[in-house]
Amino acid sequence: MFLERLEHVPDPTVSRLAPKILATLDRAVGYTQAVMSYGKAQERPPQRRLLALQRVGDDVADVLGLQDHDTVAFENNVPEHIEIDADPEQIFRVLLNLVRNALQALETEKDETLVRRITMEAMREGDCVHVVISDTGPGIPENTRKALFKAFHSGSKKGGIGLGLAIVAELLKAHGGSIDLDETRPGACFRLKVPDRRS
């Protein structure tokens, strides 16, 4: 209710941010419900729409404060013409989770000479969109890679309960897609595949 009142404040910054905060709160509620229902088959089936992927990436960066971050750069290299056939909220959660993980890894780096960059790329091949989220961080420790997408395996991140990547994998699977860790590139690099829905 307070946020809805803020939307009518004449300050342009407040007017711009209030709807984003409201949308983020709605997503947080949905995410919490998904975490609570994980393993109970209560995640709703994808309600797919055709989305401008570049704009989804911009929204993720905006929510995480990456547009004007002091130390971490975000490069959205998704071509403007790339469209993805996906559930808007679910694909947002997928990208948010991966970019947030990368941001947290980069923010722990103390050496000021290190390059801190997160990159989002995409291309379409036939009826599939391939998305790559990569960073210049320390990468995924070798001993956590095998169980990376399993529930309740928190890896090296302190305070995590190990559901983030498991939920990402489940959401992509519901789309008929997949996620893989690219171990050939430095840092952490995740490759997503999202096929168009079958008519």
N, C-alpha and C. Protein backbone atom coordinates (compact mmCIF):
# COMPACT_ATOMS: atom_id res chain seq x y z
N MET A 1 0.83 -1.20 0.00
CA MET A 1 0.00 0.00 0.00
C MET A 1 0.87 1.26 0.00
N PHE A 2 1.95 1.22 0.82
CA PHE A 2 2.85 2.37 0.86
C PHE A 2 3.51 2.59 -0.50
N LEU A 3 3.88 1.50 -1.16
CA LEU A 3 4.53 1.62 -2.47
C LEU A 3 3.56 2.19 -3.50
N GLU A 4 2.31 1.80 -3.43
CA GLU A 4 1.32 2.33 -4.37
C GLU A 4 1.14 3.83 -4.16
N ARG A 5 1.24 4.28 -2.91
CA ARG A 5 1.17 5.72 -2.64
C ARG A 5 2.41 6.43 -3.17
N LEU A 6 3.56 5.76 -3.07
CA LEU A 6 4.81 6.36 -3.56
C LEU A 6 4.78 6.59 -5.07
N GLU A 7 4.02 5.74 -5.79
CA GLU A 7 3.96 5.88 -7.24
C GLU A 7 3.42 7.24 -7.66
N HIS A 8 2.68 7.90 -6.77
CA HIS A 8 2.06 9.19 -7.09
C HIS A 8 2.90 10.38 -6.61
N VAL A 9 4.04 10.10 -5.99
CA VAL A 9 4.94 11.17 -5.57
C VAL A 9 5.57 11.77 -6.84
N PRO A 10 5.63 13.11 -6.97
CA PRO A 10 6.10 13.73 -8.22
C PRO A 10 7.58 13.53 -8.52
N ASP A 11 8.38 13.12 -7.54
CA ASP A 11 9.82 12.92 -7.79
C ASP A 11 10.01 11.84 -8.87
N PRO A 12 10.74 12.13 -9.96
CA PRO A 12 10.88 11.18 -11.06
C PRO A 12 11.60 9.89 -10.67
N THR A 13 12.58 9.98 -9.76
CA THR A 13 13.29 8.78 -9.32
C THR A 13 12.35 7.85 -8.55
N VAL A 14 11.55 8.43 -7.66
CA VAL A 14 10.58 7.64 -6.89
C VAL A 14 9.57 7.01 -7.84
N SER A 15 9.07 7.78 -8.79
CA SER A 15 8.09 7.27 -9.75
C SER A 15 8.65 6.12 -10.58
N ARG A 16 9.95 6.18 -10.88
CA ARG A 16 10.57 5.13 -11.69
C ARG A 16 10.81 3.86 -10.89
N LEU A 17 11.21 4.02 -9.62
CA LEU A 17 11.61 2.87 -8.82
C LEU A 17 10.45 2.16 -8.13
N ALA A 18 9.38 2.90 -7.78
CA ALA A 18 8.27 2.30 -7.03
C ALA A 18 7.66 1.10 -7.74
N PRO A 19 7.35 1.18 -9.04
CA PRO A 19 6.77 -0.01 -9.70
C PRO A 19 7.73 -1.19 -9.73
N LYS A 20 9.04 -0.91 -9.84
CA LYS A 20 10.03 -2.00 -9.84
C LYS A 20 10.09 -2.67 -8.49
N ILE A 21 9.99 -1.89 -7.42
CA ILE A 21 10.00 -2.46 -6.07
C ILE A 21 8.77 -3.33 -5.87
N LEU A 22 7.63 -2.85 -6.33
CA LEU A 22 6.39 -3.60 -6.21
C LEU A 22 6.48 -4.92 -6.97
N ALA A 23 7.01 -4.86 -8.19
CA ALA A 23 7.16 -6.08 -9.00
C ALA A 23 8.14 -7.05 -8.34
N THR A 24 9.19 -6.51 -7.74
CA THR A 24 10.18 -7.35 -7.08
C THR A 24 9.58 -8.04 -5.86
N LEU A 25 8.75 -7.33 -5.12
CA LEU A 25 8.07 -7.93 -3.96
C LEU A 25 7.15 -9.06 -4.41
N ASP A 26 6.42 -8.84 -5.50
CA ASP A 26 5.55 -9.89 -6.02
C ASP A 26 6.37 -11.12 -6.40
N ARG A 27 7.52 -10.88 -7.05
CA ARG A 27 8.38 -12.00 -7.43
C ARG A 27 8.93 -12.72 -6.20
N ALA A 28 9.26 -11.94 -5.15
CA ALA A 28 9.80 -12.53 -3.93
C ALA A 28 8.77 -13.44 -3.27
N VAL A 29 7.51 -13.01 -3.27
CA VAL A 29 6.45 -13.85 -2.72
C VAL A 29 6.33 -15.14 -3.52
N GLY A 30 6.35 -15.01 -4.84
CA GLY A 30 6.28 -16.20 -5.70
C GLY A 30 7.45 -17.13 -5.49
N TYR A 31 8.64 -16.55 -5.34
CA TYR A 31 9.84 -17.35 -5.13
C TYR A 31 9.76 -18.09 -3.79
N THR A 32 9.31 -17.39 -2.74
CA THR A 32 9.17 -18.01 -1.43
C THR A 32 8.19 -19.17 -1.48
N GLN A 33 7.08 -18.98 -2.17
CA GLN A 33 6.11 -20.05 -2.30
C GLN A 33 6.70 -21.24 -3.04
N ALA A 34 7.52 -20.96 -4.06
CA ALA A 34 8.15 -22.04 -4.82
C ALA A 34 9.13 -22.82 -3.96
N VAL A 35 9.90 -22.09 -3.13
CA VAL A 35 10.85 -22.76 -2.24
C VAL A 35 10.11 -23.63 -1.23
N MET A 36 9.02 -23.09 -0.68
CA MET A 36 8.25 -23.85 0.31
C MET A 36 7.63 -25.10 -0.29
N SER A 37 7.29 -25.04 -1.57
CA SER A 37 6.62 -26.17 -2.19
C SER A 37 7.58 -27.08 -2.96
N TYR A 38 8.89 -26.77 -2.90
CA TYR A 38 9.85 -27.57 -3.67
C TYR A 38 9.73 -29.04 -3.28
N GLY A 39 9.69 -29.90 -4.27
CA GLY A 39 9.60 -31.33 -4.02
C GLY A 39 8.18 -31.82 -3.83
N LYS A 40 7.20 -30.91 -3.87
CA LYS A 40 5.80 -31.31 -3.70
C LYS A 40 5.02 -31.19 -5.00
N ALA A 41 5.76 -30.96 -6.09
CA ALA A 41 5.15 -30.86 -7.42
C ALA A 41 4.10 -29.76 -7.47
N GLN A 42 4.32 -28.66 -6.74
CA GLN A 42 3.34 -27.58 -6.71
C GLN A 42 3.76 -26.39 -7.57
N GLU A 43 4.90 -26.46 -8.19
CA GLU A 43 5.31 -25.39 -9.11
C GLU A 43 4.36 -25.41 -10.30
N ARG A 44 3.75 -24.30 -10.59
CA ARG A 44 2.77 -24.30 -11.68
C ARG A 44 3.46 -24.52 -13.02
N PRO A 45 2.75 -25.11 -13.97
CA PRO A 45 3.33 -25.29 -15.30
C PRO A 45 3.63 -23.93 -15.93
N PRO A 46 4.65 -23.85 -16.79
CA PRO A 46 4.97 -22.57 -17.41
C PRO A 46 3.80 -22.00 -18.21
N GLN A 47 3.54 -20.72 -18.04
CA GLN A 47 2.54 -20.00 -18.83
C GLN A 47 3.33 -19.16 -19.83
N ARG A 48 3.63 -19.77 -20.95
CA ARG A 48 4.62 -19.21 -21.86
C ARG A 48 4.09 -18.07 -22.72
N ARG A 49 4.98 -17.09 -22.91
CA ARG A 49 4.73 -15.96 -23.79
C ARG A 49 6.01 -15.69 -24.57
N LEU A 50 5.90 -14.92 -25.63
CA LEU A 50 7.07 -14.54 -26.40
C LEU A 50 7.65 -13.26 -25.77
N LEU A 51 8.91 -13.33 -25.35
CA LEU A 51 9.53 -12.24 -24.59
C LEU A 51 10.76 -11.69 -25.30
N ALA A 52 11.00 -10.40 -25.12
CA ALA A 52 12.24 -9.77 -25.60
C ALA A 52 13.32 -10.05 -24.55
N LEU A 53 14.22 -11.00 -24.84
CA LEU A 53 15.17 -11.48 -23.85
C LEU A 53 16.11 -10.38 -23.35
N GLN A 54 16.51 -9.48 -24.23
CA GLN A 54 17.40 -8.39 -23.82
C GLN A 54 16.76 -7.56 -22.71
N ARG A 55 15.48 -7.30 -22.82
CA ARG A 55 14.78 -6.49 -21.82
C ARG A 55 14.64 -7.24 -20.50
N VAL A 56 14.46 -8.56 -20.57
CA VAL A 56 14.41 -9.35 -19.33
C VAL A 56 15.75 -9.24 -18.61
N GLY A 57 16.84 -9.33 -19.37
CA GLY A 57 18.18 -9.17 -18.79
C GLY A 57 18.37 -7.80 -18.16
N ASP A 58 17.86 -6.76 -18.82
CA ASP A 58 17.96 -5.40 -18.26
C ASP A 58 17.18 -5.30 -16.95
N ASP A 59 16.01 -5.94 -16.88
CA ASP A 59 15.21 -5.92 -15.65
C ASP A 59 15.96 -6.60 -14.51
N VAL A 60 16.61 -7.73 -14.81
CA VAL A 60 17.39 -8.45 -13.80
C VAL A 60 18.51 -7.54 -13.27
N ALA A 61 19.23 -6.91 -14.18
CA ALA A 61 20.33 -6.02 -13.78
C ALA A 61 19.81 -4.85 -12.95
N ASP A 62 18.65 -4.33 -13.32
CA ASP A 62 18.06 -3.20 -12.60
C ASP A 62 17.71 -3.60 -11.17
N VAL A 63 17.07 -4.77 -11.02
CA VAL A 63 16.67 -5.24 -9.69
C VAL A 63 17.89 -5.46 -8.80
N LEU A 64 18.99 -5.93 -9.37
CA LEU A 64 20.20 -6.21 -8.59
C LEU A 64 21.11 -4.99 -8.44
N GLY A 65 20.71 -3.87 -9.00
CA GLY A 65 21.51 -2.65 -8.87
C GLY A 65 22.79 -2.68 -9.68
N LEU A 66 22.78 -3.43 -10.79
CA LEU A 66 23.99 -3.57 -11.59
C LEU A 66 24.16 -2.46 -12.62
N GLN A 67 23.12 -1.69 -12.88
CA GLN A 67 23.22 -0.64 -13.88
C GLN A 67 24.23 0.43 -13.48
N ASP A 68 24.36 0.66 -12.18
CA ASP A 68 25.32 1.67 -11.71
C ASP A 68 26.12 1.15 -10.52
N HIS A 69 26.49 -0.14 -10.58
CA HIS A 69 27.26 -0.77 -9.50
C HIS A 69 28.67 -0.19 -9.46
N ASP A 70 29.19 0.00 -8.26
CA ASP A 70 30.50 0.63 -8.09
C ASP A 70 31.66 -0.23 -8.59
N THR A 71 31.56 -1.55 -8.40
CA THR A 71 32.72 -2.39 -8.70
C THR A 71 32.47 -3.51 -9.71
N VAL A 72 31.21 -3.84 -9.98
CA VAL A 72 30.90 -4.94 -10.88
C VAL A 72 30.21 -4.42 -12.13
N ALA A 73 30.74 -4.79 -13.29
CA ALA A 73 30.14 -4.39 -14.57
C ALA A 73 29.20 -5.48 -15.06
N PHE A 74 28.11 -5.07 -15.69
CA PHE A 74 27.17 -6.01 -16.29
C PHE A 74 27.07 -5.71 -17.78
N GLU A 75 27.36 -6.71 -18.59
CA GLU A 75 27.27 -6.56 -20.04
C GLU A 75 26.13 -7.42 -20.57
N ASN A 76 25.09 -6.76 -21.03
CA ASN A 76 23.96 -7.46 -21.65
C ASN A 76 24.21 -7.48 -23.15
N ASN A 77 24.80 -8.58 -23.62
CA ASN A 77 25.13 -8.70 -25.04
C ASN A 77 24.10 -9.49 -25.84
N VAL A 78 22.90 -9.59 -25.29
CA VAL A 78 21.82 -10.27 -26.00
C VAL A 78 21.36 -9.39 -27.15
N PRO A 79 21.38 -9.89 -28.38
CA PRO A 79 20.90 -9.08 -29.50
C PRO A 79 19.43 -8.67 -29.30
N GLU A 80 19.13 -7.46 -29.72
CA GLU A 80 17.78 -6.93 -29.51
C GLU A 80 16.69 -7.78 -30.15
N HIS A 81 17.02 -8.48 -31.23
CA HIS A 81 15.99 -9.23 -31.95
C HIS A 81 15.71 -10.61 -31.35
N ILE A 82 16.48 -11.04 -30.35
CA ILE A 82 16.28 -12.38 -29.79
C ILE A 82 15.01 -12.42 -28.95
N GLU A 83 14.11 -13.32 -29.34
CA GLU A 83 12.87 -13.53 -28.59
C GLU A 83 12.89 -14.93 -28.00
N ILE A 84 12.41 -15.05 -26.77
CA ILE A 84 12.40 -16.35 -26.10
C ILE A 84 10.97 -16.71 -25.73
N ASP A 85 10.60 -17.96 -25.96
CA ASP A 85 9.26 -18.45 -25.67
C ASP A 85 9.28 -19.08 -24.28
N ALA A 86 8.90 -18.29 -23.27
CA ALA A 86 9.04 -18.76 -21.89
C ALA A 86 8.04 -18.09 -20.97
N ASP A 87 7.88 -18.66 -19.79
CA ASP A 87 7.05 -18.05 -18.75
C ASP A 87 7.79 -16.80 -18.24
N PRO A 88 7.18 -15.62 -18.29
CA PRO A 88 7.89 -14.39 -17.91
C PRO A 88 8.47 -14.41 -16.51
N GLU A 89 7.68 -14.83 -15.52
CA GLU A 89 8.17 -14.83 -14.14
C GLU A 89 9.23 -15.90 -13.92
N GLN A 90 9.02 -17.08 -14.51
CA GLN A 90 9.94 -18.18 -14.28
C GLN A 90 11.30 -17.92 -14.93
N ILE A 91 11.30 -17.40 -16.15
CA ILE A 91 12.59 -17.14 -16.80
C ILE A 91 13.30 -15.97 -16.11
N PHE A 92 12.54 -15.03 -15.58
CA PHE A 92 13.14 -13.95 -14.79
C PHE A 92 13.84 -14.52 -13.56
N ARG A 93 13.17 -15.45 -12.87
CA ARG A 93 13.75 -16.07 -11.67
C ARG A 93 15.01 -16.84 -12.01
N VAL A 94 14.99 -17.53 -13.14
CA VAL A 94 16.17 -18.29 -13.58
C VAL A 94 17.37 -17.35 -13.76
N LEU A 95 17.16 -16.30 -14.53
CA LEU A 95 18.25 -15.36 -14.81
C LEU A 95 18.67 -14.60 -13.56
N LEU A 96 17.70 -14.21 -12.74
CA LEU A 96 18.01 -13.49 -11.50
C LEU A 96 18.90 -14.33 -10.60
N ASN A 97 18.57 -15.60 -10.47
CA ASN A 97 19.34 -16.48 -9.60
C ASN A 97 20.78 -16.60 -10.07
N LEU A 98 20.97 -16.80 -11.37
CA LEU A 98 22.32 -16.98 -11.91
C LEU A 98 23.14 -15.69 -11.82
N VAL A 99 22.52 -14.57 -12.16
CA VAL A 99 23.25 -13.30 -12.11
C VAL A 99 23.54 -12.90 -10.67
N ARG A 100 22.59 -13.14 -9.77
CA ARG A 100 22.81 -12.82 -8.35
C ARG A 100 23.95 -13.66 -7.78
N ASN A 101 24.00 -14.95 -8.13
CA ASN A 101 25.11 -15.80 -7.66
C ASN A 101 26.45 -15.24 -8.14
N ALA A 102 26.49 -14.82 -9.41
CA ALA A 102 27.72 -14.26 -9.97
C ALA A 102 28.10 -12.98 -9.24
N LEU A 103 27.11 -12.13 -8.98
CA LEU A 103 27.36 -10.87 -8.28
C LEU A 103 27.92 -11.12 -6.89
N GLN A 104 27.33 -12.06 -6.17
CA GLN A 104 27.79 -12.36 -4.81
C GLN A 104 29.23 -12.88 -4.82
N ALA A 105 29.55 -13.71 -5.82
CA ALA A 105 30.92 -14.24 -5.92
C ALA A 105 31.91 -13.10 -6.20
N LEU A 106 31.54 -12.19 -7.08
CA LEU A 106 32.44 -11.08 -7.43
C LEU A 106 32.59 -10.07 -6.30
N GLU A 107 31.53 -9.86 -5.53
CA GLU A 107 31.58 -8.88 -4.45
C GLU A 107 32.47 -9.35 -3.29
N THR A 108 32.75 -10.64 -3.22
CA THR A 108 33.62 -11.14 -2.15
C THR A 108 35.10 -10.93 -2.47
N GLU A 109 35.40 -10.64 -3.74
CA GLU A 109 36.79 -10.42 -4.15
C GLU A 109 37.29 -9.09 -3.60
N LYS A 110 38.45 -9.12 -2.92
CA LYS A 110 38.97 -7.91 -2.28
C LYS A 110 40.04 -7.20 -3.10
N ASP A 111 40.68 -7.92 -4.00
CA ASP A 111 41.77 -7.34 -4.80
C ASP A 111 41.19 -6.36 -5.82
N GLU A 112 41.53 -5.09 -5.70
CA GLU A 112 40.95 -4.06 -6.57
C GLU A 112 41.45 -4.13 -8.01
N THR A 113 42.50 -4.90 -8.26
CA THR A 113 43.01 -5.01 -9.63
C THR A 113 42.24 -6.05 -10.45
N LEU A 114 41.41 -6.85 -9.78
CA LEU A 114 40.67 -7.89 -10.48
C LEU A 114 39.53 -7.31 -11.32
N VAL A 115 39.33 -7.87 -12.49
CA VAL A 115 38.19 -7.50 -13.32
C VAL A 115 36.95 -8.18 -12.77
N ARG A 116 35.91 -7.40 -12.54
CA ARG A 116 34.65 -7.94 -12.03
C ARG A 116 33.57 -7.67 -13.07
N ARG A 117 33.22 -8.71 -13.83
CA ARG A 117 32.27 -8.51 -14.93
C ARG A 117 31.34 -9.72 -15.04
N ILE A 118 30.07 -9.43 -15.26
CA ILE A 118 29.06 -10.46 -15.53
C ILE A 118 28.55 -10.21 -16.95
N THR A 119 28.49 -11.27 -17.73
CA THR A 119 28.07 -11.14 -19.13
C THR A 119 26.89 -12.05 -19.42
N MET A 120 25.93 -11.51 -20.14
CA MET A 120 24.78 -12.30 -20.59
C MET A 120 24.76 -12.26 -22.11
N GLU A 121 24.74 -13.45 -22.72
CA GLU A 121 24.72 -13.57 -24.18
C GLU A 121 23.60 -14.53 -24.58
N ALA A 122 23.20 -14.47 -25.84
CA ALA A 122 22.17 -15.40 -26.31
C ALA A 122 22.21 -15.49 -27.83
N MET A 123 21.75 -16.63 -28.31
CA MET A 123 21.60 -16.82 -29.75
C MET A 123 20.47 -17.81 -29.97
N ARG A 124 19.86 -17.71 -31.13
CA ARG A 124 18.81 -18.65 -31.50
C ARG A 124 19.34 -19.61 -32.55
N GLU A 125 19.06 -20.90 -32.33
CA GLU A 125 19.37 -21.94 -33.31
C GLU A 125 18.09 -22.71 -33.57
N GLY A 126 17.48 -22.47 -34.71
CA GLY A 126 16.22 -23.14 -35.03
C GLY A 126 15.15 -22.78 -34.03
N ASP A 127 14.60 -23.80 -33.36
CA ASP A 127 13.51 -23.56 -32.40
C ASP A 127 14.01 -23.49 -30.96
N CYS A 128 15.30 -23.23 -30.76
CA CYS A 128 15.87 -23.14 -29.41
C CYS A 128 16.63 -21.83 -29.22
N VAL A 129 16.52 -21.29 -28.03
CA VAL A 129 17.33 -20.14 -27.64
C VAL A 129 18.38 -20.63 -26.64
N HIS A 130 19.62 -20.28 -26.91
CA HIS A 130 20.73 -20.63 -26.03
C HIS A 130 21.18 -19.36 -25.31
N VAL A 131 21.22 -19.43 -23.99
CA VAL A 131 21.61 -18.28 -23.17
C VAL A 131 22.87 -18.65 -22.39
N VAL A 132 23.81 -17.73 -22.33
CA VAL A 132 25.05 -17.94 -21.58
C VAL A 132 25.20 -16.83 -20.54
N ILE A 133 25.34 -17.24 -19.28
CA ILE A 133 25.61 -16.30 -18.19
C ILE A 133 27.00 -16.64 -17.66
N SER A 134 27.92 -15.68 -17.76
CA SER A 134 29.29 -15.94 -17.32
C SER A 134 29.81 -14.79 -16.47
N ASP A 135 30.84 -15.08 -15.70
CA ASP A 135 31.46 -14.04 -14.88
C ASP A 135 32.97 -14.25 -14.82
N THR A 136 33.65 -13.25 -14.30
CA THR A 136 35.12 -13.30 -14.18
C THR A 136 35.55 -13.63 -12.77
N GLY A 137 34.67 -14.31 -12.02
CA GLY A 137 34.96 -14.66 -10.64
C GLY A 137 35.86 -15.88 -10.51
N PRO A 138 35.92 -16.42 -9.29
CA PRO A 138 36.82 -17.55 -9.02
C PRO A 138 36.34 -18.88 -9.60
N GLY A 139 35.11 -18.93 -10.09
CA GLY A 139 34.59 -20.18 -10.65
C GLY A 139 33.97 -21.08 -9.60
N ILE A 140 33.50 -22.24 -10.04
CA ILE A 140 32.85 -23.20 -9.16
C ILE A 140 33.90 -24.19 -8.65
N PRO A 141 34.03 -24.36 -7.34
CA PRO A 141 35.00 -25.32 -6.82
C PRO A 141 34.73 -26.72 -7.39
N GLU A 142 35.80 -27.42 -7.71
CA GLU A 142 35.68 -28.72 -8.37
C GLU A 142 34.88 -29.72 -7.54
N ASN A 143 35.03 -29.65 -6.22
CA ASN A 143 34.33 -30.64 -5.37
C ASN A 143 32.84 -30.40 -5.27
N THR A 144 32.32 -29.29 -5.79
CA THR A 144 30.88 -29.04 -5.73
C THR A 144 30.20 -29.20 -7.09
N ARG A 145 30.95 -29.42 -8.13
CA ARG A 145 30.38 -29.43 -9.48
C ARG A 145 29.42 -30.58 -9.74
N LYS A 146 29.71 -31.77 -9.22
CA LYS A 146 28.88 -32.94 -9.51
C LYS A 146 27.47 -32.80 -8.96
N ALA A 147 27.33 -32.13 -7.82
CA ALA A 147 26.02 -32.02 -7.18
C ALA A 147 25.44 -30.61 -7.31
N LEU A 148 25.94 -29.86 -8.28
CA LEU A 148 25.60 -28.45 -8.40
C LEU A 148 24.10 -28.18 -8.53
N PHE A 149 23.40 -29.04 -9.26
CA PHE A 149 21.98 -28.80 -9.52
C PHE A 149 21.07 -29.68 -8.66
N LYS A 150 21.63 -30.25 -7.59
CA LYS A 150 20.84 -31.07 -6.68
C LYS A 150 20.35 -30.22 -5.52
N ALA A 151 19.15 -30.53 -5.04
CA ALA A 151 18.56 -29.76 -3.94
C ALA A 151 19.36 -29.92 -2.66
N PHE A 152 19.39 -28.84 -1.89
CA PHE A 152 20.02 -28.79 -0.58
C PHE A 152 21.52 -29.05 -0.64
N HIS A 153 22.11 -28.69 -1.76
CA HIS A 153 23.57 -28.73 -1.87
C HIS A 153 24.01 -27.29 -2.07
N SER A 154 24.45 -26.66 -0.99
CA SER A 154 24.68 -25.21 -1.03
C SER A 154 26.03 -24.83 -1.61
N GLY A 155 26.87 -25.80 -1.92
CA GLY A 155 28.16 -25.47 -2.53
C GLY A 155 29.02 -24.66 -1.58
N SER A 156 29.64 -23.62 -2.12
CA SER A 156 30.58 -22.84 -1.31
C SER A 156 29.96 -21.57 -0.76
N LYS A 157 28.71 -21.30 -1.07
CA LYS A 157 28.11 -20.04 -0.64
C LYS A 157 27.60 -20.15 0.79
N LYS A 158 28.09 -19.29 1.67
CA LYS A 158 27.68 -19.32 3.07
C LYS A 158 26.25 -18.80 3.19
N GLY A 159 25.49 -19.46 4.06
CA GLY A 159 24.14 -19.01 4.34
C GLY A 159 23.10 -19.51 3.35
N GLY A 160 23.50 -20.17 2.29
CA GLY A 160 22.55 -20.69 1.32
C GLY A 160 22.00 -22.03 1.77
N ILE A 161 20.79 -22.35 1.28
CA ILE A 161 20.20 -23.65 1.63
C ILE A 161 20.30 -24.62 0.47
N GLY A 162 20.89 -24.18 -0.65
CA GLY A 162 21.15 -25.11 -1.73
C GLY A 162 19.97 -25.42 -2.61
N LEU A 163 19.02 -24.48 -2.71
CA LEU A 163 17.86 -24.71 -3.58
C LEU A 163 17.91 -23.89 -4.85
N GLY A 164 18.71 -22.84 -4.89
CA GLY A 164 18.71 -21.91 -6.03
C GLY A 164 18.91 -22.58 -7.37
N LEU A 165 20.03 -23.27 -7.54
CA LEU A 165 20.33 -23.90 -8.83
C LEU A 165 19.43 -25.10 -9.09
N ALA A 166 18.98 -25.77 -8.03
CA ALA A 166 18.05 -26.89 -8.20
C ALA A 166 16.72 -26.40 -8.77
N ILE A 167 16.26 -25.26 -8.27
CA ILE A 167 15.00 -24.69 -8.78
C ILE A 167 15.18 -24.19 -10.20
N VAL A 168 16.33 -23.58 -10.49
CA VAL A 168 16.64 -23.14 -11.85
C VAL A 168 16.55 -24.33 -12.81
N ALA A 169 17.18 -25.44 -12.43
CA ALA A 169 17.16 -26.63 -13.28
C ALA A 169 15.75 -27.16 -13.48
N GLU A 170 14.95 -27.14 -12.40
CA GLU A 170 13.56 -27.63 -12.49
C GLU A 170 12.71 -26.74 -13.40
N LEU A 171 12.88 -25.43 -13.27
CA LEU A 171 12.10 -24.51 -14.10
C LEU A 171 12.45 -24.68 -15.58
N LEU A 172 13.73 -24.84 -15.87
CA LEU A 172 14.14 -25.04 -17.26
C LEU A 172 13.65 -26.39 -17.79
N LYS A 173 13.68 -27.40 -16.94
CA LYS A 173 13.18 -28.73 -17.33
C LYS A 173 11.70 -28.66 -17.67
N ALA A 174 10.95 -27.87 -16.90
CA ALA A 174 9.52 -27.71 -17.17
C ALA A 174 9.27 -27.04 -18.52
N HIS A 175 10.25 -26.28 -19.00
CA HIS A 175 10.17 -25.66 -20.32
C HIS A 175 10.69 -26.59 -21.42
N GLY A 176 11.12 -27.80 -21.03
CA GLY A 176 11.73 -28.71 -21.99
C GLY A 176 13.19 -28.38 -22.24
N GLY A 177 13.76 -27.53 -21.37
CA GLY A 177 15.13 -27.07 -21.56
C GLY A 177 16.10 -27.68 -20.58
N SER A 178 17.28 -27.06 -20.47
CA SER A 178 18.33 -27.60 -19.62
C SER A 178 19.32 -26.51 -19.24
N ILE A 179 20.16 -26.82 -18.27
CA ILE A 179 21.25 -25.94 -17.86
C ILE A 179 22.50 -26.79 -17.63
N ASP A 180 23.64 -26.27 -18.07
CA ASP A 180 24.91 -26.97 -17.88
C ASP A 180 25.97 -25.96 -17.46
N LEU A 181 26.94 -26.47 -16.71
CA LEU A 181 28.11 -25.68 -16.36
C LEU A 181 29.17 -25.90 -17.43
N ASP A 182 29.63 -24.81 -18.02
CA ASP A 182 30.70 -24.88 -19.02
C ASP A 182 32.03 -24.81 -18.28
N GLU A 183 32.71 -25.95 -18.19
CA GLU A 183 33.95 -26.02 -17.43
C GLU A 183 35.17 -25.61 -18.25
N THR A 184 34.96 -25.25 -19.51
CA THR A 184 36.10 -24.89 -20.36
C THR A 184 36.45 -23.41 -20.28
N ARG A 185 35.58 -22.62 -19.66
CA ARG A 185 35.81 -21.18 -19.60
C ARG A 185 36.20 -20.76 -18.19
N PRO A 186 37.00 -19.70 -18.06
CA PRO A 186 37.37 -19.22 -16.72
C PRO A 186 36.16 -18.62 -16.02
N GLY A 187 36.24 -18.52 -14.69
CA GLY A 187 35.11 -18.02 -13.93
C GLY A 187 34.00 -19.06 -13.91
N ALA A 188 32.78 -18.61 -13.66
CA ALA A 188 31.62 -19.49 -13.73
C ALA A 188 30.86 -19.18 -15.01
N CYS A 189 30.49 -20.21 -15.75
CA CYS A 189 29.78 -20.03 -17.01
C CYS A 189 28.68 -21.07 -17.12
N PHE A 190 27.43 -20.59 -17.19
CA PHE A 190 26.28 -21.48 -17.30
C PHE A 190 25.65 -21.32 -18.68
N ARG A 191 25.33 -22.46 -19.28
CA ARG A 191 24.69 -22.49 -20.59
C ARG A 191 23.27 -23.02 -20.45
N LEU A 192 22.31 -22.20 -20.89
CA LEU A 192 20.89 -22.55 -20.80
C LEU A 192 20.35 -22.83 -22.19
N LYS A 193 19.46 -23.79 -22.27
CA LYS A 193 18.79 -24.10 -23.53
C LYS A 193 17.29 -24.07 -23.29
N VAL A 194 16.58 -23.25 -24.05
CA VAL A 194 15.13 -23.13 -23.91
C VAL A 194 14.48 -23.31 -25.27
N PRO A 195 13.86 -24.47 -25.52
CA PRO A 195 13.19 -24.68 -26.80
C PRO A 195 11.83 -23.99 -26.84
N ASP A 196 11.38 -23.62 -28.03
CA ASP A 196 10.03 -23.09 -28.19
C ASP A 196 9.03 -24.17 -27.83
N ARG A 197 7.84 -23.75 -27.43
CA ARG A 197 6.79 -24.73 -27.10
C ARG A 197 6.35 -25.45 -28.37
N ARG A 198 5.90 -26.65 -28.20
CA ARG A 198 5.43 -27.43 -29.33
C ARG A 198 3.98 -27.07 -29.63
N SER A 199 3.68 -26.85 -30.90
CA SER A 199 2.31 -26.45 -31.26
C SER A 199 1.43 -27.68 -31.44
